[in-house]
N, C-alpha and C. Protein backbone atom coordinates (compact mmCIF):
# COMPACT_ATOMS: atom_id res chain seq x y z
N MET A 1 3.92 -22.44 4.05
CA MET A 1 4.20 -21.12 4.61
C MET A 1 5.48 -20.57 3.98
N ILE A 2 5.64 -19.28 4.12
CA ILE A 2 6.79 -18.57 3.55
C ILE A 2 7.82 -18.34 4.66
N ALA A 3 9.09 -18.52 4.32
CA ALA A 3 10.16 -18.34 5.30
C ALA A 3 10.21 -16.90 5.79
N ARG A 4 10.58 -16.71 7.07
CA ARG A 4 10.64 -15.38 7.69
C ARG A 4 11.61 -14.44 6.99
N LYS A 5 12.61 -14.97 6.33
CA LYS A 5 13.59 -14.10 5.68
C LYS A 5 12.95 -13.26 4.56
N PHE A 6 11.77 -13.68 4.10
CA PHE A 6 11.05 -12.95 3.06
C PHE A 6 10.03 -11.96 3.63
N ARG A 7 10.11 -11.70 4.94
CA ARG A 7 9.15 -10.81 5.60
C ARG A 7 9.01 -9.46 4.91
N PRO A 8 10.10 -8.76 4.54
CA PRO A 8 9.93 -7.46 3.88
C PRO A 8 9.15 -7.54 2.57
N VAL A 9 9.38 -8.58 1.81
CA VAL A 9 8.68 -8.73 0.53
C VAL A 9 7.21 -9.08 0.75
N VAL A 10 6.94 -9.95 1.71
CA VAL A 10 5.56 -10.32 2.01
C VAL A 10 4.80 -9.11 2.56
N PHE A 11 5.45 -8.36 3.45
CA PHE A 11 4.85 -7.13 3.97
C PHE A 11 4.52 -6.17 2.83
N ALA A 12 5.49 -5.95 1.94
CA ALA A 12 5.29 -5.04 0.81
C ALA A 12 4.15 -5.52 -0.09
N PHE A 13 4.07 -6.82 -0.30
CA PHE A 13 3.00 -7.36 -1.15
C PHE A 13 1.64 -7.04 -0.56
N PHE A 14 1.43 -7.36 0.71
CA PHE A 14 0.13 -7.13 1.33
C PHE A 14 -0.18 -5.64 1.46
N MET A 15 0.80 -4.83 1.82
CA MET A 15 0.58 -3.40 1.93
C MET A 15 0.21 -2.82 0.57
N ALA A 16 0.94 -3.17 -0.46
CA ALA A 16 0.66 -2.67 -1.80
C ALA A 16 -0.70 -3.17 -2.31
N PHE A 17 -0.99 -4.43 -2.05
CA PHE A 17 -2.25 -5.02 -2.50
C PHE A 17 -3.44 -4.29 -1.89
N LEU A 18 -3.41 -4.12 -0.58
CA LEU A 18 -4.54 -3.49 0.10
C LEU A 18 -4.64 -2.00 -0.18
N MET A 19 -3.52 -1.29 -0.11
CA MET A 19 -3.55 0.16 -0.32
C MET A 19 -3.88 0.51 -1.76
N SER A 20 -3.30 -0.18 -2.73
CA SER A 20 -3.61 0.12 -4.13
C SER A 20 -5.07 -0.20 -4.44
N GLY A 21 -5.58 -1.26 -3.85
CA GLY A 21 -6.99 -1.59 -4.05
C GLY A 21 -7.91 -0.54 -3.48
N LEU A 22 -7.64 -0.13 -2.27
CA LEU A 22 -8.48 0.88 -1.62
C LEU A 22 -8.41 2.22 -2.34
N VAL A 23 -7.20 2.69 -2.61
CA VAL A 23 -7.03 4.00 -3.25
C VAL A 23 -7.60 3.99 -4.67
N SER A 24 -7.33 2.94 -5.43
CA SER A 24 -7.86 2.90 -6.80
C SER A 24 -9.38 2.85 -6.80
N PHE A 25 -9.97 2.17 -5.81
CA PHE A 25 -11.44 2.14 -5.73
C PHE A 25 -12.00 3.52 -5.41
N VAL A 26 -11.41 4.19 -4.44
CA VAL A 26 -11.89 5.53 -4.05
C VAL A 26 -11.75 6.50 -5.23
N VAL A 27 -10.61 6.50 -5.89
CA VAL A 27 -10.40 7.40 -7.01
C VAL A 27 -11.35 7.07 -8.16
N THR A 28 -11.56 5.80 -8.41
CA THR A 28 -12.50 5.39 -9.47
C THR A 28 -13.91 5.89 -9.14
N MET A 29 -14.32 5.70 -7.90
CA MET A 29 -15.65 6.16 -7.50
C MET A 29 -15.77 7.68 -7.60
N LEU A 30 -14.75 8.40 -7.19
CA LEU A 30 -14.79 9.87 -7.27
C LEU A 30 -14.84 10.35 -8.71
N ASN A 31 -14.16 9.65 -9.60
CA ASN A 31 -14.10 10.07 -10.99
C ASN A 31 -15.35 9.72 -11.80
N ILE A 32 -15.90 8.53 -11.58
CA ILE A 32 -17.02 8.11 -12.44
C ILE A 32 -18.31 7.86 -11.67
N GLY A 33 -18.25 7.82 -10.35
CA GLY A 33 -19.45 7.55 -9.57
C GLY A 33 -19.83 6.08 -9.62
N PHE A 34 -21.02 5.81 -9.11
CA PHE A 34 -21.51 4.43 -9.08
C PHE A 34 -22.18 4.13 -10.42
N VAL A 35 -21.47 3.43 -11.28
CA VAL A 35 -21.98 3.10 -12.62
C VAL A 35 -22.13 1.59 -12.76
N ALA A 36 -22.75 1.20 -13.84
CA ALA A 36 -23.10 -0.21 -14.05
C ALA A 36 -21.87 -1.13 -14.03
N HIS A 37 -20.78 -0.75 -14.66
CA HIS A 37 -19.62 -1.63 -14.77
C HIS A 37 -18.48 -1.18 -13.86
N LEU A 38 -18.86 -0.67 -12.69
CA LEU A 38 -17.87 -0.14 -11.75
C LEU A 38 -16.81 -1.19 -11.39
N LEU A 39 -17.22 -2.39 -11.11
CA LEU A 39 -16.28 -3.43 -10.69
C LEU A 39 -15.21 -3.69 -11.75
N SER A 40 -15.62 -3.85 -12.99
CA SER A 40 -14.63 -4.14 -14.04
C SER A 40 -13.73 -2.93 -14.30
N ILE A 41 -14.28 -1.74 -14.23
CA ILE A 41 -13.48 -0.52 -14.42
C ILE A 41 -12.45 -0.40 -13.30
N TRP A 42 -12.90 -0.64 -12.06
CA TRP A 42 -12.00 -0.56 -10.90
C TRP A 42 -10.90 -1.62 -10.99
N LEU A 43 -11.24 -2.83 -11.35
CA LEU A 43 -10.23 -3.88 -11.43
C LEU A 43 -9.18 -3.58 -12.50
N ARG A 44 -9.60 -2.94 -13.60
CA ARG A 44 -8.63 -2.54 -14.63
C ARG A 44 -7.70 -1.45 -14.11
N ALA A 45 -8.19 -0.61 -13.23
CA ALA A 45 -7.36 0.44 -12.63
C ALA A 45 -6.45 -0.14 -11.55
N TRP A 46 -6.94 -1.15 -10.85
CA TRP A 46 -6.20 -1.71 -9.73
C TRP A 46 -4.93 -2.42 -10.19
N GLY A 47 -4.97 -3.10 -11.30
CA GLY A 47 -3.79 -3.82 -11.80
C GLY A 47 -2.56 -2.93 -11.96
N PRO A 48 -2.66 -1.87 -12.75
CA PRO A 48 -1.50 -0.98 -12.89
C PRO A 48 -1.11 -0.30 -11.57
N ALA A 49 -2.12 0.01 -10.74
CA ALA A 49 -1.82 0.63 -9.45
C ALA A 49 -0.97 -0.31 -8.58
N PHE A 50 -1.32 -1.59 -8.59
CA PHE A 50 -0.55 -2.55 -7.80
C PHE A 50 0.87 -2.70 -8.35
N ILE A 51 0.99 -2.71 -9.67
CA ILE A 51 2.31 -2.86 -10.30
C ILE A 51 3.23 -1.71 -9.90
N VAL A 52 2.69 -0.53 -9.74
CA VAL A 52 3.48 0.62 -9.27
C VAL A 52 3.68 0.57 -7.76
N ALA A 53 2.65 0.18 -7.04
CA ALA A 53 2.69 0.21 -5.57
C ALA A 53 3.67 -0.79 -4.97
N PHE A 54 3.74 -1.99 -5.52
CA PHE A 54 4.58 -3.04 -4.92
C PHE A 54 6.05 -2.65 -4.84
N PRO A 55 6.69 -2.28 -5.94
CA PRO A 55 8.10 -1.87 -5.80
C PRO A 55 8.25 -0.56 -5.02
N SER A 56 7.23 0.29 -5.10
CA SER A 56 7.29 1.55 -4.34
C SER A 56 7.33 1.29 -2.85
N VAL A 57 6.52 0.36 -2.38
CA VAL A 57 6.51 0.03 -0.95
C VAL A 57 7.87 -0.55 -0.54
N ILE A 58 8.44 -1.41 -1.37
CA ILE A 58 9.74 -1.99 -1.05
C ILE A 58 10.79 -0.89 -0.87
N VAL A 59 10.74 0.13 -1.71
CA VAL A 59 11.72 1.23 -1.64
C VAL A 59 11.40 2.19 -0.50
N VAL A 60 10.12 2.50 -0.29
CA VAL A 60 9.73 3.56 0.63
C VAL A 60 9.73 3.13 2.10
N VAL A 61 9.42 1.89 2.41
CA VAL A 61 9.30 1.46 3.81
C VAL A 61 10.58 1.74 4.61
N PRO A 62 11.77 1.40 4.13
CA PRO A 62 12.96 1.72 4.92
C PRO A 62 13.15 3.23 5.16
N ILE A 63 12.79 4.03 4.18
CA ILE A 63 12.89 5.48 4.32
C ILE A 63 11.91 5.98 5.38
N VAL A 64 10.69 5.47 5.35
CA VAL A 64 9.68 5.87 6.32
C VAL A 64 10.09 5.45 7.73
N ARG A 65 10.68 4.27 7.87
CA ARG A 65 11.15 3.84 9.19
C ARG A 65 12.21 4.79 9.73
N LYS A 66 13.14 5.20 8.88
CA LYS A 66 14.19 6.14 9.31
C LYS A 66 13.60 7.50 9.66
N LEU A 67 12.69 8.00 8.84
CA LEU A 67 12.04 9.28 9.14
C LEU A 67 11.26 9.22 10.44
N THR A 68 10.62 8.09 10.69
CA THR A 68 9.87 7.92 11.94
C THR A 68 10.80 8.00 13.13
N GLU A 69 11.96 7.37 13.04
CA GLU A 69 12.93 7.42 14.13
C GLU A 69 13.46 8.84 14.35
N VAL A 70 13.58 9.62 13.28
CA VAL A 70 14.06 10.98 13.40
C VAL A 70 13.07 11.85 14.18
N VAL A 71 11.79 11.69 13.95
CA VAL A 71 10.80 12.56 14.57
C VAL A 71 10.35 12.09 15.96
N LEU A 72 10.65 10.86 16.32
CA LEU A 72 10.28 10.37 17.65
C LEU A 72 11.39 10.67 18.65
N GLU A 73 11.01 11.08 19.82
CA GLU A 73 12.03 11.35 20.84
C GLU A 73 12.39 10.08 21.59
N ASP A 74 13.61 10.05 22.09
CA ASP A 74 14.06 8.91 22.88
C ASP A 74 13.42 8.98 24.26
N GLY A 75 13.24 7.85 24.86
CA GLY A 75 12.68 7.80 26.20
C GLY A 75 11.73 6.62 26.33
N PRO A 76 11.11 6.51 27.49
CA PRO A 76 10.19 5.39 27.70
C PRO A 76 8.96 5.51 26.79
N ALA A 77 8.48 4.38 26.39
CA ALA A 77 7.30 4.35 25.52
C ALA A 77 6.08 4.80 26.29
N ASP A 78 5.21 5.58 25.62
CA ASP A 78 3.96 5.99 26.24
C ASP A 78 2.99 4.83 26.21
N SER A 79 2.28 4.65 27.29
CA SER A 79 1.29 3.57 27.36
C SER A 79 -0.10 4.12 27.35
């Protein structure tokens, strides 16, 4: 198992992995449709997407957390 101190990096890895995979698949499908070599074309697109997404998530997550706190009002949590 991975130590808890690496939580932000592990979170960023999984978020980038899943989101880049999903988005690159959707964009690939929209651009070329369902073709014979769709899987290999998508996987070639997914690699560079992940390489961009991973450091992006590491940088963006703290900003998004702060922005979220700005737009949420203080008070008891809604249930």
